[in-house]
Amino acid sequence: IPAGRLLGVPLRIGSSWLVVVPLVGWALFLGTPTDSGALLMRLLVAGGGTVLLFVSVIVHELGHVVMARRRRVAVDGISVFLLGGYSEIELDDVPPSVEIAVAVAGSLASVFLALVLGGVAVALPDVGGLARVASVLMLVNAAVAVFNLLPGLPLDGGHVVRGMLRSIGWSGQRAERTAAFLGIGVGASLTALGLVASWAGRPVSLVIAPAGMLLLFLCVTLRPAPESRVRDVMRPVGEPVSELVLVSALVSDGVPAPVVSGTRVVGLVWPGGSGLASEAMRPVGPADIVSADTRVSEVRKRLVQGRVLLVVDKGRLVGVIRPVDVDPDAG
């Protein structure tokens, strides 16, 4: 549900918050002792606590957004849903240090808010349970900061891990896959630890087990799918031809032929035209060459309308890729 803009970024609130709001409000209302004030005060505490919980989620996401803006990273929006929030930030192609800074900024914002709420809890008289609510929200924000830094995508800690692995030379895909599977392991470990603690009668299981299950759910369901590679969408090319060959002599199979000058590919020519290949070809240069193992998402940014890229594999020309190959609407 669109809910306006924050710092110029679109804010969307999931319908699941229609479930969260009454549950949180009701829990806070029941948690406020009846001798702490009149019914109106208890309602105010419950309502204020619910609003502050929503603000806590927003503050965490704004931490990401502010840092992303400072590092000139594109931000597409903020979404708030049943399990918390999510900032749509383009982190795939940024330097590792930037990815880590943006990821950590959310938890730093939550820690700052936890410190503020802790100060309020100490300084504020517990009228109607206000100090009690501030203390609870302080713990919630501290827990949010710690939980989000657990090492598993799509949590912030997963982006920290991915950024660190990329900084030591790992490819983006390998680092992303490792961070995702690491998160699954951490989630499964927390779940198992929580179940054991529950069996042993430890109250901490009420926190550890649900947190582990939540992390496991996020890492499994939101685990990044393997990205398509150029080799998966490229089109074959014909046999190389000389610049001096007649285009009318080419086999009309709809496949472009690379035009070579010596040992260098200088262009592409399609059958069905006339004149020499050097006159009818579409020139290509070093910037028009891409590896067959390149991610399609990276190629899409280079494929402006009408551009064709040559695909090479182990130094051998194996195909071409056009805008229509990655985006059918482009044709």
Protein backbone atom coordinates (compact mmCIF):
# COMPACT_ATOMS: atom_id res chain seq x y z
CA ILE A 1 0.00 0.00 0.00
CA PRO A 2 1.66 3.34 -1.03
CA ALA A 3 2.12 5.56 2.03
CA GLY A 4 3.90 8.63 0.71
CA ARG A 5 7.62 9.33 0.63
CA LEU A 6 10.43 9.55 3.19
CA LEU A 7 13.50 11.58 2.23
CA GLY A 8 12.18 11.43 -1.31
CA VAL A 9 11.98 7.61 -1.25
CA PRO A 10 8.62 5.85 -1.85
CA LEU A 11 7.25 4.17 1.29
CA ARG A 12 5.02 1.10 0.99
CA ILE A 13 3.24 -0.59 3.89
CA GLY A 14 2.26 -4.23 3.51
CA SER A 15 -1.26 -5.29 4.38
CA SER A 16 0.27 -7.64 6.98
CA TRP A 17 0.65 -4.61 9.24
CA LEU A 18 -3.12 -4.65 9.60
CA VAL A 19 -2.48 -7.81 11.65
CA VAL A 20 0.62 -6.55 13.47
CA VAL A 21 -0.86 -3.28 14.74
CA PRO A 22 -3.81 -4.72 16.70
CA LEU A 23 -1.72 -7.59 18.09
CA VAL A 24 1.04 -5.30 19.34
CA GLY A 25 -1.44 -2.79 20.71
CA TRP A 26 -3.40 -5.50 22.51
CA ALA A 27 -0.23 -7.00 23.99
CA LEU A 28 0.92 -3.62 25.28
CA PHE A 29 -2.53 -2.91 26.71
CA LEU A 30 -2.59 -6.22 28.59
CA GLY A 31 1.02 -5.75 29.69
CA THR A 32 0.27 -2.45 31.40
CA PRO A 33 -0.73 -3.10 35.05
CA THR A 34 -4.26 -2.05 35.84
CA ASP A 35 -3.00 -0.12 38.85
CA SER A 36 -0.67 1.99 36.68
CA GLY A 37 -3.38 4.35 35.58
CA ALA A 38 -6.84 4.77 34.24
CA LEU A 39 -8.18 3.01 31.16
CA LEU A 40 -7.42 6.06 29.00
CA MET A 41 -3.77 6.01 30.07
CA ARG A 42 -3.47 2.30 29.24
CA LEU A 43 -4.92 2.96 25.81
CA LEU A 44 -2.50 5.82 25.26
CA VAL A 45 0.45 3.64 26.28
CA ALA A 46 -0.67 0.82 23.95
CA GLY A 47 -1.22 3.20 21.05
CA GLY A 48 2.01 5.08 21.61
CA GLY A 49 4.00 1.87 21.92
CA THR A 50 2.57 0.54 18.67
CA VAL A 51 3.47 3.76 16.86
CA LEU A 52 6.98 3.69 18.30
CA LEU A 53 7.43 0.10 17.12
CA PHE A 54 6.55 1.21 13.59
CA VAL A 55 8.91 4.18 13.96
CA SER A 56 11.65 1.76 15.07
CA VAL A 57 11.32 -0.19 11.84
CA ILE A 58 11.36 3.01 9.78
CA VAL A 59 14.42 4.36 11.62
CA HIS A 60 16.34 1.16 10.87
CA GLU A 61 15.51 1.40 7.16
CA LEU A 62 16.29 5.12 7.04
CA GLY A 63 19.74 4.29 8.35
CA HIS A 64 20.30 2.28 5.16
CA VAL A 65 18.76 4.96 2.97
CA VAL A 66 20.79 7.85 4.41
CA MET A 67 24.05 5.96 4.02
CA ALA A 68 23.13 4.87 0.51
CA ARG A 69 22.38 8.46 -0.45
CA ARG A 70 25.72 9.61 0.99
CA ARG A 71 27.50 6.96 -1.08
CA ARG A 72 25.49 7.83 -4.21
CA VAL A 73 23.72 4.47 -4.38
CA ALA A 74 20.26 4.27 -5.97
CA VAL A 75 17.34 3.67 -3.57
CA ASP A 76 14.07 2.49 -5.12
CA GLY A 77 11.87 2.40 -2.03
CA ILE A 78 11.17 1.23 1.52
CA SER A 79 8.72 -1.57 2.27
CA VAL A 80 7.33 -2.38 5.72
CA PHE A 81 5.77 -5.80 6.19
CA LEU A 82 4.91 -8.40 8.83
CA LEU A 83 8.51 -9.39 9.59
CA GLY A 84 9.97 -5.88 9.62
CA GLY A 85 11.20 -3.69 6.79
CA TYR A 86 13.21 -3.84 3.61
CA SER A 87 15.03 -1.11 1.71
CA GLU A 88 15.28 -1.58 -2.05
CA ILE A 89 18.87 -0.47 -2.63
CA GLU A 90 20.97 -1.29 -5.70
CA LEU A 91 23.95 -2.98 -4.02
CA ASP A 92 24.93 -5.51 -6.70
CA ASP A 93 27.40 -3.32 -8.56
CA VAL A 94 28.76 -1.07 -5.80
CA PRO A 95 32.27 -1.42 -4.28
CA PRO A 96 32.44 -3.89 -1.34
CA SER A 97 33.19 -1.10 1.16
CA VAL A 98 30.01 0.72 0.13
CA GLU A 99 27.89 -2.42 0.46
CA ILE A 100 29.24 -3.01 3.97
CA ALA A 101 28.70 0.62 5.03
CA VAL A 102 25.10 0.66 3.79
CA ALA A 103 24.36 -2.70 5.42
CA VAL A 104 25.76 -1.73 8.83
CA ALA A 105 24.05 1.68 8.85
CA GLY A 106 20.63 0.19 9.63
CA SER A 107 21.81 -1.56 12.78
CA LEU A 108 23.71 1.54 13.88
CA ALA A 109 20.47 3.51 13.59
CA SER A 110 18.68 0.87 15.70
CA VAL A 111 21.43 0.98 18.35
CA PHE A 112 21.16 4.77 18.49
CA LEU A 113 17.39 4.56 18.93
CA ALA A 114 17.84 1.89 21.63
CA LEU A 115 20.18 4.22 23.55
CA VAL A 116 17.69 7.08 23.27
CA LEU A 117 14.83 4.88 24.50
CA GLY A 118 17.02 3.58 27.33
CA GLY A 119 17.68 7.14 28.43
CA VAL A 120 13.96 7.90 28.26
CA ALA A 121 13.19 4.79 30.33
CA VAL A 122 15.60 5.92 33.03
CA ALA A 123 14.55 9.58 33.08
CA LEU A 124 10.79 9.12 32.64
CA PRO A 125 8.53 8.35 35.60
CA ASP A 126 6.66 5.11 35.02
CA VAL A 127 3.31 6.85 34.75
CA GLY A 128 0.80 4.48 33.23
CA GLY A 129 3.62 2.15 32.19
CA LEU A 130 5.36 4.65 29.87
CA ALA A 131 8.84 3.85 31.18
CA ARG A 132 8.08 0.15 30.91
CA VAL A 133 7.15 0.54 27.23
CA ALA A 134 10.31 2.57 26.58
CA SER A 135 12.38 -0.22 28.17
CA VAL A 136 10.69 -2.88 26.05
CA LEU A 137 11.24 -0.90 22.86
CA MET A 138 14.87 -0.32 23.85
CA LEU A 139 15.33 -4.10 24.03
CA VAL A 140 13.43 -4.57 20.77
CA ASN A 141 15.69 -2.13 18.91
CA ALA A 142 18.82 -3.72 20.37
CA ALA A 143 17.54 -7.14 19.32
CA VAL A 144 16.73 -5.84 15.83
CA ALA A 145 20.29 -4.51 15.49
CA VAL A 146 21.85 -7.82 16.56
CA PHE A 147 19.45 -10.01 14.57
CA ASN A 148 19.98 -8.05 11.37
CA LEU A 149 23.74 -8.43 11.65
CA LEU A 150 23.53 -12.24 11.68
CA PRO A 151 25.54 -13.49 8.67
CA GLY A 152 22.95 -14.52 6.13
CA LEU A 153 21.28 -12.96 3.13
CA PRO A 154 18.89 -11.19 2.90
CA LEU A 155 19.79 -9.83 6.36
CA ASP A 156 22.22 -6.94 6.69
CA GLY A 157 24.88 -9.28 8.05
CA GLY A 158 24.64 -11.26 4.84
CA HIS A 159 25.51 -8.15 2.86
CA VAL A 160 28.45 -7.55 5.19
CA VAL A 161 29.70 -11.08 4.53
CA ARG A 162 29.17 -10.70 0.78
CA GLY A 163 31.02 -7.38 0.77
CA MET A 164 33.94 -8.81 2.75
CA LEU A 165 34.25 -11.82 0.43
CA ARG A 166 34.10 -9.58 -2.63
CA SER A 167 36.82 -7.38 -1.11
CA ILE A 168 39.23 -10.33 -1.07
CA GLY A 169 38.60 -11.12 -4.72
CA TRP A 170 35.61 -13.46 -4.74
CA SER A 171 33.14 -13.05 -7.59
CA GLY A 172 29.79 -11.46 -6.73
CA GLN A 173 27.87 -14.69 -7.43
CA ARG A 174 30.17 -16.86 -5.33
CA ALA A 175 30.10 -14.41 -2.42
CA GLU A 176 26.31 -14.10 -2.62
CA ARG A 177 25.80 -17.86 -2.70
CA THR A 178 28.13 -18.35 0.27
CA ALA A 179 26.40 -15.65 2.34
CA ALA A 180 23.00 -17.19 1.59
CA PHE A 181 24.02 -20.71 2.62
CA LEU A 182 25.83 -19.37 5.68
CA GLY A 183 22.57 -17.74 6.74
CA ILE A 184 20.75 -21.05 6.38
CA GLY A 185 23.33 -22.67 8.64
CA VAL A 186 23.05 -19.93 11.28
CA GLY A 187 19.25 -20.09 11.19
CA ALA A 188 19.23 -23.87 11.55
CA SER A 189 21.75 -23.67 14.43
CA LEU A 190 19.69 -21.08 16.31
CA THR A 191 16.53 -23.13 15.81
CA ALA A 192 18.22 -26.27 17.13
CA LEU A 193 19.70 -24.35 20.08
CA GLY A 194 16.29 -22.92 20.90
CA LEU A 195 14.65 -26.36 20.81
CA VAL A 196 17.34 -27.80 23.08
CA ALA A 197 16.95 -24.86 25.48
CA SER A 198 13.20 -25.41 25.48
CA TRP A 199 13.67 -29.09 26.27
CA ALA A 200 15.99 -28.08 29.11
CA GLY A 201 13.40 -25.65 30.45
CA ARG A 202 15.38 -22.50 29.64
CA PRO A 203 13.21 -19.39 29.11
CA VAL A 204 15.72 -18.07 26.54
CA SER A 205 14.26 -20.58 24.07
CA LEU A 206 11.25 -18.27 23.72
CA VAL A 207 13.56 -15.85 21.89
CA ILE A 208 16.21 -18.06 20.27
CA ALA A 209 13.95 -20.61 18.60
CA PRO A 210 11.60 -18.10 16.88
CA ALA A 211 14.58 -15.97 15.81
CA GLY A 212 16.28 -19.00 14.29
CA MET A 213 13.11 -20.09 12.52
CA LEU A 214 12.60 -16.57 11.16
CA LEU A 215 16.17 -16.39 9.86
CA LEU A 216 15.87 -19.85 8.33
CA PHE A 217 12.60 -18.86 6.65
CA LEU A 218 14.08 -15.65 5.24
CA CYS A 219 17.28 -17.28 4.00
CA VAL A 220 15.49 -20.19 2.34
CA THR A 221 12.59 -18.33 0.75
CA LEU A 222 14.55 -15.21 -0.24
CA ARG A 223 17.75 -17.01 -1.18
CA PRO A 224 18.96 -15.45 -4.44
CA ALA A 225 18.30 -17.65 -7.44
CA PRO A 226 21.25 -18.32 -9.74
CA GLU A 227 21.42 -15.57 -12.33
CA SER A 228 21.27 -16.36 -16.00
CA ARG A 229 24.53 -16.06 -17.86
CA VAL A 230 25.13 -14.70 -21.32
CA ARG A 231 25.69 -18.22 -22.64
CA ASP A 232 22.09 -19.04 -21.66
CA VAL A 233 20.52 -16.35 -23.87
CA MET A 234 23.05 -15.71 -26.64
CA ARG A 235 22.45 -16.53 -30.31
CA PRO A 236 24.93 -18.44 -32.48
CA VAL A 237 27.04 -16.81 -35.17
CA GLY A 238 27.99 -18.04 -38.59
CA GLU A 239 31.46 -18.77 -39.88
CA PRO A 240 33.80 -15.75 -40.05
CA VAL A 241 33.97 -14.04 -43.44
CA SER A 242 36.39 -11.64 -45.06
CA GLU A 243 35.67 -7.95 -45.50
CA LEU A 244 35.77 -8.53 -49.25
CA VAL A 245 33.12 -11.24 -49.45
CA LEU A 246 29.83 -10.41 -51.18
CA VAL A 247 26.91 -10.30 -48.77
CA SER A 248 24.69 -11.91 -51.42
CA ALA A 249 26.93 -14.98 -51.25
CA LEU A 250 26.24 -15.60 -47.57
CA VAL A 251 23.94 -18.43 -46.55
CA SER A 252 20.57 -16.95 -45.63
CA ASP A 253 20.00 -18.67 -42.27
CA GLY A 254 19.22 -15.52 -40.28
CA VAL A 255 22.45 -15.83 -38.30
CA PRO A 256 24.98 -12.97 -38.44
CA ALA A 257 28.49 -13.69 -39.61
CA PRO A 258 31.54 -12.09 -37.98
CA VAL A 259 33.60 -10.01 -40.39
CA VAL A 260 37.33 -10.37 -39.82
CA SER A 261 40.28 -8.27 -40.85
CA GLY A 262 43.34 -10.43 -40.47
CA THR A 263 42.74 -12.15 -37.12
CA ARG A 264 40.55 -9.42 -35.64
CA VAL A 265 36.74 -9.28 -35.70
CA VAL A 266 35.71 -5.84 -36.95
CA GLY A 267 32.01 -6.23 -37.56
CA LEU A 268 28.90 -8.33 -38.03
CA VAL A 269 26.99 -8.79 -41.26
CA TRP A 270 23.58 -10.31 -41.81
CA PRO A 271 22.68 -12.29 -44.94
CA GLY A 272 20.22 -10.84 -47.43
CA GLY A 273 21.94 -7.57 -48.30
CA SER A 274 24.13 -6.50 -51.15
CA GLY A 275 27.65 -5.21 -51.70
CA LEU A 276 30.78 -6.11 -49.80
CA ALA A 277 30.74 -7.24 -46.18
CA SER A 278 32.93 -4.25 -45.26
CA GLU A 279 30.18 -1.92 -46.54
CA ALA A 280 27.16 -3.71 -45.07
CA MET A 281 28.59 -4.80 -41.73
CA ARG A 282 27.80 -3.33 -38.34
CA PRO A 283 31.17 -2.31 -36.85
CA VAL A 284 32.21 -3.75 -33.49
CA GLY A 285 35.14 -2.96 -31.23
CA PRO A 286 36.74 -4.13 -27.97
CA ALA A 287 33.92 -2.56 -25.94
CA ASP A 288 31.42 -4.78 -27.77
CA ILE A 289 32.94 -8.05 -26.53
CA VAL A 290 31.55 -9.88 -23.50
CA SER A 291 32.40 -13.17 -21.83
CA ALA A 292 29.91 -16.04 -22.03
CA ASP A 293 30.03 -16.29 -18.21
CA THR A 294 28.96 -12.67 -17.66
CA ARG A 295 25.73 -12.18 -15.74
CA VAL A 296 22.78 -11.11 -17.87
CA SER A 297 22.06 -8.27 -15.43
CA GLU A 298 25.44 -6.75 -16.23
CA VAL A 299 24.97 -7.10 -19.98
CA ARG A 300 21.51 -5.53 -19.88
CA LYS A 301 23.02 -2.17 -18.92
CA ARG A 302 25.28 -2.24 -21.98
CA LEU A 303 22.63 -3.29 -24.47
CA VAL A 304 21.22 0.01 -25.65
CA GLN A 305 18.72 -0.13 -28.48
CA GLY A 306 20.29 -1.52 -31.65
CA ARG A 307 23.58 -2.57 -30.05
CA VAL A 308 24.96 -6.07 -30.53
CA LEU A 309 27.64 -7.63 -28.34
CA LEU A 310 30.02 -10.40 -29.35
CA VAL A 311 30.18 -13.35 -26.96
CA VAL A 312 33.50 -15.11 -26.43
CA ASP A 313 34.33 -18.24 -24.49
CA LYS A 314 37.97 -19.14 -23.80
CA GLY A 315 39.09 -16.74 -26.49
CA ARG A 316 36.77 -18.15 -29.13
CA LEU A 317 33.81 -16.27 -30.66
CA VAL A 318 30.71 -18.34 -29.86
CA GLY A 319 27.73 -16.05 -30.30
CA VAL A 320 26.07 -12.66 -30.19
CA ILE A 321 23.59 -11.07 -27.83
CA ARG A 322 21.07 -8.35 -28.70
CA PRO A 323 18.62 -6.28 -26.63
CA VAL A 324 15.75 -8.58 -27.65
CA ASP A 325 17.61 -11.58 -26.20
CA VAL A 326 17.45 -10.18 -22.66
CA ASP A 327 14.26 -8.17 -23.03
CA PRO A 328 11.65 -9.49 -25.49
CA ASP A 329 9.85 -6.14 -25.46
CA ALA A 330 12.93 -4.52 -26.97
CA GLY A 331 12.18 -6.17 -30.27
